[in-house]
C-alpha atoms as a PDB file:
ATOM      1  CA  UNK A   1       3.032 -18.951   8.334  1.00  0.00           C
ATOM      2  CA  UNK A   2       5.684 -17.746  10.697  1.00  0.00           C
ATOM      3  CA  UNK A   3       5.417 -14.173   9.546  1.00  0.00           C
ATOM      4  CA  UNK A   4       1.606 -14.351   9.958  1.00  0.00           C
ATOM      5  CA  UNK A   5       1.964 -15.562  13.527  1.00  0.00           C
ATOM      6  CA  UNK A   6       4.593 -12.871  14.190  1.00  0.00           C
ATOM      7  CA  UNK A   7       2.302 -10.158  12.841  1.00  0.00           C
ATOM      8  CA  UNK A   8      -0.515 -11.483  14.895  1.00  0.00           C
ATOM      9  CA  UNK A   9       1.541 -11.488  18.078  1.00  0.00           C
ATOM     10  CA  UNK A  10       2.573  -7.940  17.423  1.00  0.00           C
ATOM     11  CA  UNK A  11      -0.965  -6.796  16.988  1.00  0.00           C
ATOM     12  CA  UNK A  12      -2.024  -8.629  20.126  1.00  0.00           C
ATOM     13  CA  UNK A  13       0.729  -7.028  22.106  1.00  0.00           C
ATOM     14  CA  UNK A  14      -0.048  -3.494  20.797  1.00  0.00           C
ATOM     15  CA  UNK A  15      -3.757  -4.006  21.191  1.00  0.00           C
ATOM     16  CA  UNK A  16      -4.295  -6.469  24.251  1.00  0.00           C
ATOM     17  CA  UNK A  17      -8.014  -5.720  24.515  1.00  0.00           C
ATOM     18  CA  UNK A  18     -10.731  -6.221  21.918  1.00  0.00           C
ATOM     19  CA  UNK A  19     -11.514  -3.422  19.458  1.00  0.00           C
ATOM     20  CA  UNK A  20     -15.158  -4.279  19.092  1.00  0.00           C
ATOM     21  CA  UNK A  21     -16.420  -4.873  22.555  1.00  0.00           C
ATOM     22  CA  UNK A  22     -14.986  -1.773  24.337  1.00  0.00           C
ATOM     23  CA  UNK A  23     -11.975  -3.756  25.543  1.00  0.00           C
ATOM     24  CA  UNK A  24     -14.178  -5.861  27.710  1.00  0.00           C
ATOM     25  CA  UNK A  25     -12.405  -9.025  26.474  1.00  0.00           C
ATOM     26  CA  UNK A  26      -8.642  -9.700  25.775  1.00  0.00           C
ATOM     27  CA  UNK A  27      -7.741  -9.788  22.147  1.00  0.00           C
ATOM     28  CA  UNK A  28      -7.017 -13.372  20.952  1.00  0.00           C
ATOM     29  CA  UNK A  29      -7.020 -12.909  17.115  1.00  0.00           C
ATOM     30  CA  UNK A  30      -6.201 -10.354  14.519  1.00  0.00           C
ATOM     31  CA  UNK A  31      -9.050  -8.873  12.386  1.00  0.00           C
ATOM     32  CA  UNK A  32      -8.445  -7.116   9.025  1.00  0.00           C
ATOM     33  CA  UNK A  33     -10.849  -4.297   8.631  1.00  0.00           C
ATOM     34  CA  UNK A  34     -11.532  -3.911   5.831  1.00  0.00           C
ATOM     35  CA  UNK A  35     -11.450  -7.631   5.112  1.00  0.00           C
ATOM     36  CA  UNK A  36      -8.702  -9.116   2.916  1.00  0.00           C
ATOM     37  CA  UNK A  37     -11.475 -10.614   0.616  1.00  0.00           C
ATOM     38  CA  UNK A  38     -12.291  -7.232  -0.834  1.00  0.00           C
ATOM     39  CA  UNK A  39      -8.931  -6.754  -2.519  1.00  0.00           C
ATOM     40  CA  UNK A  40      -7.825  -8.041  -5.951  1.00  0.00           C
ATOM     41  CA  UNK A  41      -6.395 -11.601  -5.498  1.00  0.00           C
ATOM     42  CA  UNK A  42      -6.614 -11.057  -1.646  1.00  0.00           C
ATOM     43  CA  UNK A  43      -3.475  -8.978  -1.878  1.00  0.00           C
ATOM     44  CA  UNK A  44      -3.693  -6.393   0.898  1.00  0.00           C
ATOM     45  CA  UNK A  45      -1.083  -3.961   2.199  1.00  0.00           C
ATOM     46  CA  UNK A  46      -0.394  -4.142   5.904  1.00  0.00           C
ATOM     47  CA  UNK A  47      -2.309  -1.755   8.176  1.00  0.00           C
ATOM     48  CA  UNK A  48      -5.756  -1.430   9.752  1.00  0.00           C
ATOM     49  CA  UNK A  49      -5.298  -4.668  11.627  1.00  0.00           C
ATOM     50  CA  UNK A  50      -7.047  -5.004  14.941  1.00  0.00           C
ATOM     51  CA  UNK A  51      -7.000  -6.999  18.010  1.00  0.00           C
ATOM     52  CA  UNK A  52     -10.342  -8.883  18.579  1.00  0.00           C
ATOM     53  CA  UNK A  53     -11.752 -11.433  20.922  1.00  0.00           C
ATOM     54  CA  UNK A  54     -12.858 -14.603  19.610  1.00  0.00           C
ATOM     55  CA  UNK A  55     -16.594 -13.838  19.848  1.00  0.00           C
ATOM     56  CA  UNK A  56     -16.339 -10.464  18.033  1.00  0.00           C
ATOM     57  CA  UNK A  57     -14.052 -11.821  15.357  1.00  0.00           C
ATOM     58  CA  UNK A  58     -16.400 -14.573  14.546  1.00  0.00           C
ATOM     59  CA  UNK A  59     -19.181 -12.172  14.193  1.00  0.00           C
ATOM     60  CA  UNK A  60     -17.228 -10.169  11.608  1.00  0.00           C
ATOM     61  CA  UNK A  61     -17.003 -13.250   9.335  1.00  0.00           C
ATOM     62  CA  UNK A  62     -20.659 -13.685   8.391  1.00  0.00           C
ATOM     63  CA  UNK A  63     -20.718 -10.202   6.585  1.00  0.00           C
ATOM     64  CA  UNK A  64     -17.423 -10.632   4.694  1.00  0.00           C
ATOM     65  CA  UNK A  65     -18.814 -12.685   1.860  1.00  0.00           C
ATOM     66  CA  UNK A  66     -21.478  -9.979   1.191  1.00  0.00           C
ATOM     67  CA  UNK A  67     -18.952  -7.098   1.305  1.00  0.00           C
ATOM     68  CA  UNK A  68     -16.454  -9.041  -0.914  1.00  0.00           C
ATOM     69  CA  UNK A  69     -19.160  -9.528  -3.601  1.00  0.00           C
ATOM     70  CA  UNK A  70     -20.803  -6.216  -3.476  1.00  0.00           C
ATOM     71  CA  UNK A  71     -17.467  -4.295  -3.499  1.00  0.00           C
ATOM     72  CA  UNK A  72     -16.849  -5.603  -6.940  1.00  0.00           C
ATOM     73  CA  UNK A  73     -20.091  -4.278  -8.429  1.00  0.00           C
ATOM     74  CA  UNK A  74     -18.182  -1.379 -10.155  1.00  0.00           C
ATOM     75  CA  UNK A  75     -15.947  -0.782 -12.026  1.00  0.00           C
ATOM     76  CA  UNK A  76     -16.106  -3.932 -14.124  1.00  0.00           C
ATOM     77  CA  UNK A  77     -12.962  -6.012 -14.039  1.00  0.00           C
ATOM     78  CA  UNK A  78     -10.496  -5.311 -16.816  1.00  0.00           C
ATOM     79  CA  UNK A  79      -8.653  -8.608 -16.698  1.00  0.00           C
ATOM     80  CA  UNK A  80      -9.604 -12.320 -17.114  1.00  0.00           C
ATOM     81  CA  UNK A  81      -8.253 -13.005 -13.681  1.00  0.00           C
ATOM     82  CA  UNK A  82     -10.303 -10.207 -12.262  1.00  0.00           C
ATOM     83  CA  UNK A  83     -13.536 -11.582 -14.010  1.00  0.00           C
ATOM     84  CA  UNK A  84     -12.926 -15.038 -12.646  1.00  0.00           C
ATOM     85  CA  UNK A  85     -12.319 -13.706  -9.054  1.00  0.00           C
ATOM     86  CA  UNK A  86     -15.540 -11.617  -9.268  1.00  0.00           C
ATOM     87  CA  UNK A  87     -17.463 -14.656 -10.387  1.00  0.00           C
ATOM     88  CA  UNK A  88     -16.054 -16.666  -7.593  1.00  0.00           C
ATOM     89  CA  UNK A  89     -17.242 -14.139  -4.984  1.00  0.00           C
ATOM     90  CA  UNK A  90     -20.700 -14.217  -6.528  1.00  0.00           C
ATOM     91  CA  UNK A  91     -20.841 -17.985  -6.289  1.00  0.00           C
ATOM     92  CA  UNK A  92     -19.613 -17.814  -2.593  1.00  0.00           C
ATOM     93  CA  UNK A  93     -22.359 -15.380  -1.822  1.00  0.00           C
ATOM     94  CA  UNK A  94     -25.076 -17.289  -3.559  1.00  0.00           C
ATOM     95  CA  UNK A  95     -23.947 -20.460  -1.842  1.00  0.00           C
ATOM     96  CA  UNK A  96     -23.892 -18.947   1.659  1.00  0.00           C
ATOM     97  CA  UNK A  97     -26.918 -16.754   1.274  1.00  0.00           C
ATOM     98  CA  UNK A  98     -29.180 -18.174  -1.482  1.00  0.00           C
ATOM     99  CA  UNK A  99     -32.160 -16.378  -0.020  1.00  0.00           C
ATOM    100  CA  UNK A 100     -30.393 -12.950  -0.064  1.00  0.00           C
ATOM    101  CA  UNK A 101     -29.204 -13.521  -3.601  1.00  0.00           C
ATOM    102  CA  UNK A 102     -32.741 -13.382  -4.757  1.00  0.00           C
ATOM    103  CA  UNK A 103     -33.106  -9.913  -3.295  1.00  0.00           C
ATOM    104  CA  UNK A 104     -30.517  -8.316  -5.595  1.00  0.00           C
ATOM    105  CA  UNK A 105     -32.200  -6.670  -8.526  1.00  0.00           C
ATOM    106  CA  UNK A 106     -30.099  -6.128 -11.621  1.00  0.00           C
ATOM    107  CA  UNK A 107     -31.437  -3.572 -14.097  1.00  0.00           C
ATOM    108  CA  UNK A 108     -30.949  -5.236 -17.537  1.00  0.00           C
ATOM    109  CA  UNK A 109     -30.751  -1.755 -19.190  1.00  0.00           C
ATOM    110  CA  UNK A 110     -26.971  -0.630 -19.190  1.00  0.00           C
ATOM    111  CA  UNK A 111     -26.227   2.850 -18.079  1.00  0.00           C
ATOM    112  CA  UNK A 112     -23.029   4.960 -18.509  1.00  0.00           C
ATOM    113  CA  UNK A 113     -21.536   5.564 -15.212  1.00  0.00           C
ATOM    114  CA  UNK A 114     -18.218   7.440 -14.983  1.00  0.00           C
ATOM    115  CA  UNK A 115     -17.330   6.560 -18.506  1.00  0.00           C
ATOM    116  CA  UNK A 116     -18.037   2.829 -18.267  1.00  0.00           C
ATOM    117  CA  UNK A 117     -21.123   0.848 -19.099  1.00  0.00           C
ATOM    118  CA  UNK A 118     -22.621  -0.639 -15.960  1.00  0.00           C
ATOM    119  CA  UNK A 119     -25.760  -2.328 -14.744  1.00  0.00           C
ATOM    120  CA  UNK A 120     -27.353  -0.830 -11.681  1.00  0.00           C
ATOM    121  CA  UNK A 121     -28.010  -3.064  -8.566  1.00  0.00           C
ATOM    122  CA  UNK A 122     -30.799  -2.251  -6.305  1.00  0.00           C
ATOM    123  CA  UNK A 123     -31.157  -3.540  -2.772  1.00  0.00           C
ATOM    124  CA  UNK A 124     -34.557  -3.253  -1.212  1.00  0.00           C
ATOM    125  CA  UNK A 125     -34.746  -1.303   1.929  1.00  0.00           C
ATOM    126  CA  UNK A 126     -35.127  -3.232   5.168  1.00  0.00           C
ATOM    127  CA  UNK A 127     -34.359  -6.921   5.750  1.00  0.00           C
ATOM    128  CA  UNK A 128     -31.096  -8.788   6.320  1.00  0.00           C
ATOM    129  CA  UNK A 129     -29.042  -7.632   3.447  1.00  0.00           C
ATOM    130  CA  UNK A 130     -29.037  -3.841   4.085  1.00  0.00           C
ATOM    131  CA  UNK A 131     -28.762  -4.594   7.790  1.00  0.00           C
ATOM    132  CA  UNK A 132     -25.659  -6.497   7.211  1.00  0.00           C
ATOM    133  CA  UNK A 133     -24.121  -3.597   5.255  1.00  0.00           C
ATOM    134  CA  UNK A 134     -25.127  -1.108   8.051  1.00  0.00           C
ATOM    135  CA  UNK A 135     -23.588  -3.509  10.523  1.00  0.00           C
ATOM    136  CA  UNK A 136     -20.406  -3.590   8.492  1.00  0.00           C
ATOM    137  CA  UNK A 137     -20.401   0.161   8.613  1.00  0.00           C
ATOM    138  CA  UNK A 138     -20.537   0.009  12.437  1.00  0.00           C
ATOM    139  CA  UNK A 139     -17.654  -2.437  12.475  1.00  0.00           C
ATOM    140  CA  UNK A 140     -15.636  -0.084  10.260  1.00  0.00           C
ATOM    141  CA  UNK A 141     -16.499   2.740  12.686  1.00  0.00           C
ATOM    142  CA  UNK A 142     -15.311   0.954  15.723  1.00  0.00           C
ATOM    143  CA  UNK A 143     -12.078  -0.105  13.917  1.00  0.00           C
ATOM    144  CA  UNK A 144     -11.320   3.381  12.531  1.00  0.00           C
ATOM    145  CA  UNK A 145     -12.172   4.875  16.036  1.00  0.00           C
ATOM    146  CA  UNK A 146      -9.344   2.789  17.522  1.00  0.00           C
ATOM    147  CA  UNK A 147      -6.927   3.692  14.528  1.00  0.00           C
ATOM    148  CA  UNK A 148      -7.735   7.326  15.218  1.00  0.00           C
ATOM    149  CA  UNK A 149      -7.543   7.510  19.002  1.00  0.00           C
ATOM    150  CA  UNK A 150      -5.434   4.483  19.787  1.00  0.00           C
ATOM    151  CA  UNK A 151      -7.964   2.914  22.156  1.00  0.00           C
ATOM    152  CA  UNK A 152     -11.303   1.048  21.733  1.00  0.00           C
ATOM    153  CA  UNK A 153     -14.587   2.948  21.918  1.00  0.00           C
ATOM    154  CA  UNK A 154     -15.990   2.982  25.513  1.00  0.00           C
ATOM    155  CA  UNK A 155     -18.614   0.630  26.620  1.00  0.00           C
ATOM    156  CA  UNK A 156     -21.426   3.243  26.711  1.00  0.00           C
ATOM    157  CA  UNK A 157     -20.759   4.454  23.191  1.00  0.00           C
ATOM    158  CA  UNK A 158     -23.264   4.285  20.277  1.00  0.00           C
ATOM    159  CA  UNK A 159     -22.409   3.827  16.572  1.00  0.00           C
ATOM    160  CA  UNK A 160     -24.739   5.342  14.020  1.00  0.00           C
ATOM    161  CA  UNK A 161     -24.114   3.739  10.679  1.00  0.00           C
ATOM    162  CA  UNK A 162     -25.562   3.968   7.048  1.00  0.00           C
ATOM    163  CA  UNK A 163     -24.471   2.529   3.723  1.00  0.00           C
ATOM    164  CA  UNK A 164     -24.611   4.375   0.458  1.00  0.00           C
ATOM    165  CA  UNK A 165     -24.638   2.823  -3.127  1.00  0.00           C
ATOM    166  CA  UNK A 166     -22.249   4.134  -5.849  1.00  0.00           C
ATOM    167  CA  UNK A 167     -24.732   6.728  -7.131  1.00  0.00           C
ATOM    168  CA  UNK A 168     -24.531   8.507  -3.813  1.00  0.00           C
ATOM    169  CA  UNK A 169     -20.838   8.522  -4.008  1.00  0.00           C
ATOM    170  CA  UNK A 170     -20.991  10.301  -7.315  1.00  0.00           C
ATOM    171  CA  UNK A 171     -23.953  12.749  -6.823  1.00  0.00           C
ATOM    172  CA  UNK A 172     -24.777  13.184  -3.173  1.00  0.00           C
ATOM    173  CA  UNK A 173     -23.682  16.779  -2.343  1.00  0.00           C
ATOM    174  CA  UNK A 174     -24.070  16.248   1.385  1.00  0.00           C
ATOM    175  CA  UNK A 175     -21.625  13.367   1.245  1.00  0.00           C
ATOM    176  CA  UNK A 176     -19.155  15.271  -0.901  1.00  0.00           C
ATOM    177  CA  UNK A 177     -19.373  18.230   1.536  1.00  0.00           C
ATOM    178  CA  UNK A 178     -18.875  15.805   4.482  1.00  0.00           C
ATOM    179  CA  UNK A 179     -15.694  14.269   2.849  1.00  0.00           C
ATOM    180  CA  UNK A 180     -14.237  17.659   2.129  1.00  0.00           C
ATOM    181  CA  UNK A 181     -14.665  18.623   5.690  1.00  0.00           C
ATOM    182  CA  UNK A 182     -12.675  15.572   6.787  1.00  0.00           C
ATOM    183  CA  UNK A 183      -9.691  16.337   4.576  1.00  0.00           C
ATOM    184  CA  UNK A 184      -7.610  14.087   2.303  1.00  0.00           C
ATOM    185  CA  UNK A 185      -8.739  10.411   1.657  1.00  0.00           C
ATOM    186  CA  UNK A 186      -6.394   7.762   3.035  1.00  0.00           C
ATOM    187  CA  UNK A 187      -5.780   4.259   1.920  1.00  0.00           C
ATOM    188  CA  UNK A 188      -3.479   1.341   2.638  1.00  0.00           C
ATOM    189  CA  UNK A 189      -0.066   1.335   1.075  1.00  0.00           C
ATOM    190  CA  UNK A 190       3.294  -0.412   1.203  1.00  0.00           C
ATOM    191  CA  UNK A 191       6.073   1.497  -0.329  1.00  0.00           C
ATOM    192  CA  UNK A 192       4.903   2.857  -3.734  1.00  0.00           C
ATOM    193  CA  UNK A 193       2.127   0.221  -3.859  1.00  0.00           C
ATOM    194  CA  UNK A 194      -1.284   1.457  -2.806  1.00  0.00           C
ATOM    195  CA  UNK A 195      -4.860   0.339  -3.101  1.00  0.00           C
ATOM    196  CA  UNK A 196      -6.679   3.613  -3.363  1.00  0.00           C
ATOM    197  CA  UNK A 197      -8.758   2.406  -6.460  1.00  0.00           C
ATOM    198  CA  UNK A 198     -10.104  -0.389  -4.268  1.00  0.00           C
ATOM    199  CA  UNK A 199     -10.503   1.307  -0.730  1.00  0.00           C
ATOM    200  CA  UNK A 200     -10.407   4.802   0.546  1.00  0.00           C
ATOM    201  CA  UNK A 201     -11.360   6.168   3.841  1.00  0.00           C
ATOM    202  CA  UNK A 202     -11.876   9.544   5.631  1.00  0.00           C
ATOM    203  CA  UNK A 203     -11.953  10.202   9.362  1.00  0.00           C
ATOM    204  CA  UNK A 204     -12.024  13.047  11.730  1.00  0.00           C
ATOM    205  CA  UNK A 205     -12.974  14.261  15.298  1.00  0.00           C
ATOM    206  CA  UNK A 206     -14.839  17.696  15.026  1.00  0.00           C
ATOM    207  CA  UNK A 207     -12.988  20.431  16.730  1.00  0.00           C
ATOM    208  CA  UNK A 208     -16.093  21.499  18.680  1.00  0.00           C
ATOM    209  CA  UNK A 209     -16.646  17.899  19.989  1.00  0.00           C
ATOM    210  CA  UNK A 210     -13.285  16.148  19.943  1.00  0.00           C
ATOM    211  CA  UNK A 211     -14.528  12.947  21.518  1.00  0.00           C
ATOM    212  CA  UNK A 212     -17.104  12.487  18.652  1.00  0.00           C
ATOM    213  CA  UNK A 213     -15.809  10.480  15.745  1.00  0.00           C
ATOM    214  CA  UNK A 214     -16.926  10.374  12.131  1.00  0.00           C
ATOM    215  CA  UNK A 215     -15.723   8.262   9.311  1.00  0.00           C
ATOM    216  CA  UNK A 216     -16.549   7.255   5.713  1.00  0.00           C
ATOM    217  CA  UNK A 217     -15.057   4.446   3.833  1.00  0.00           C
ATOM    218  CA  UNK A 218     -15.518   3.690   0.073  1.00  0.00           C
ATOM    219  CA  UNK A 219     -15.086   0.393  -1.664  1.00  0.00           C
ATOM    220  CA  UNK A 220     -14.105   0.839  -5.334  1.00  0.00           C
ATOM    221  CA  UNK A 221     -16.880   2.771  -6.891  1.00  0.00           C
ATOM    222  CA  UNK A 222     -19.473   0.166  -5.536  1.00  0.00           C
ATOM    223  CA  UNK A 223     -20.517   1.532  -2.248  1.00  0.00           C
ATOM    224  CA  UNK A 224     -19.611   3.380   0.967  1.00  0.00           C
ATOM    225  CA  UNK A 225     -20.402   3.220   4.574  1.00  0.00           C
ATOM    226  CA  UNK A 226     -20.649   6.203   7.068  1.00  0.00           C
ATOM    227  CA  UNK A 227     -20.205   5.748  10.759  1.00  0.00           C
ATOM    228  CA  UNK A 228     -20.457   8.238  13.736  1.00  0.00           C
ATOM    229  CA  UNK A 229     -19.147   6.979  17.019  1.00  0.00           C
ATOM    230  CA  UNK A 230     -20.563   8.828  20.015  1.00  0.00           C
ATOM    231  CA  UNK A 231     -18.823   7.803  23.332  1.00  0.00           C
ATOM    232  CA  UNK A 232     -21.655   9.522  25.302  1.00  0.00           C
ATOM    233  CA  UNK A 233     -24.233   6.964  24.110  1.00  0.00           C
ATOM    234  CA  UNK A 234     -27.445   7.483  22.069  1.00  0.00           C
ATOM    235  CA  UNK A 235     -28.541  11.120  21.692  1.00  0.00           C
ATOM    236  CA  UNK A 236     -30.665  10.764  18.559  1.00  0.00           C
ATOM    237  CA  UNK A 237     -34.138   9.530  18.335  1.00  0.00           C
ATOM    238  CA  UNK A 238     -34.367   8.627  14.750  1.00  0.00           C
ATOM    239  CA  UNK A 239     -35.094   5.541  12.538  1.00  0.00           C
ATOM    240  CA  UNK A 240     -31.429   4.817  11.831  1.00  0.00           C
ATOM    241  CA  UNK A 241     -29.918   1.670  13.146  1.00  0.00           C
ATOM    242  CA  UNK A 242     -27.806   2.290  16.199  1.00  0.00           C
ATOM    243  CA  UNK A 243     -25.162  -0.174  17.500  1.00  0.00           C
ATOM    244  CA  UNK A 244     -23.198  -0.481  20.746  1.00  0.00           C
ATOM    245  CA  UNK A 245     -19.774  -1.963  21.390  1.00  0.00           C
ATOM    246  CA  UNK A 246     -20.081  -5.837  21.716  1.00  0.00           C
ATOM    247  CA  UNK A 247     -22.853  -6.089  19.007  1.00  0.00           C
ATOM    248  CA  UNK A 248     -20.553  -8.428  16.806  1.00  0.00           C
ATOM    249  CA  UNK A 249     -20.778 -11.172  19.474  1.00  0.00           C
ATOM    250  CA  UNK A 250     -23.269 -13.625  18.105  1.00  0.00           C
ATOM    251  CA  UNK A 251     -23.865 -11.508  15.041  1.00  0.00           C
ATOM    252  CA  UNK A 252     -25.212 -13.342  12.084  1.00  0.00           C
ATOM    253  CA  UNK A 253     -26.499 -12.085   8.769  1.00  0.00           C
END
């Protein structure tokens, strides 16, 4: 407990204003992005920890149960402990969101995906479940923006976000080209221990628009989220969801 308090105090000292609302409020808590729940046995290396105000931090929590469950969709656990943990996250998701659980469509015909047998999961477009995943992508975008630039995204910024199922991670040429342009994938590590099989991320600011920020985060081989943070505000008139700093305050799935 003492180590946790010490770590939180250090983060709040380094990041005195909130990552998620453009620094409009003081940081009062430490947010892990990605959340600890996505990692095996909640065992997470240090890093990517962000100062957050109470209202924004509360808004992050309603999406964590969804992300923790869906991030374990593939590959299948190889240990009994992993299977038990996966089942626990499914039960937690169903308990918290019984109406959303009915939207998940599992194909009962197994497919061979990257050398393993898997069952595809389809999420219907529109509605609360994909919106939660896109909102999670915007949260990741704001967090990695601060990680990259050392400051929160400004108040007038817009965040364009999308989520991508595992099939896109393996076959979408546009995503593959984007990731190549952003260089080597990064992960969390402590000494020789790393979690690249559970979480990887790419981030970059284009050389011709250095204040623009793009990032992609992949969770196992289950899904990924793409976010573009534009400090100059909305400049696209399209059907994609756009977010602004502070959107997590009062956010519920």
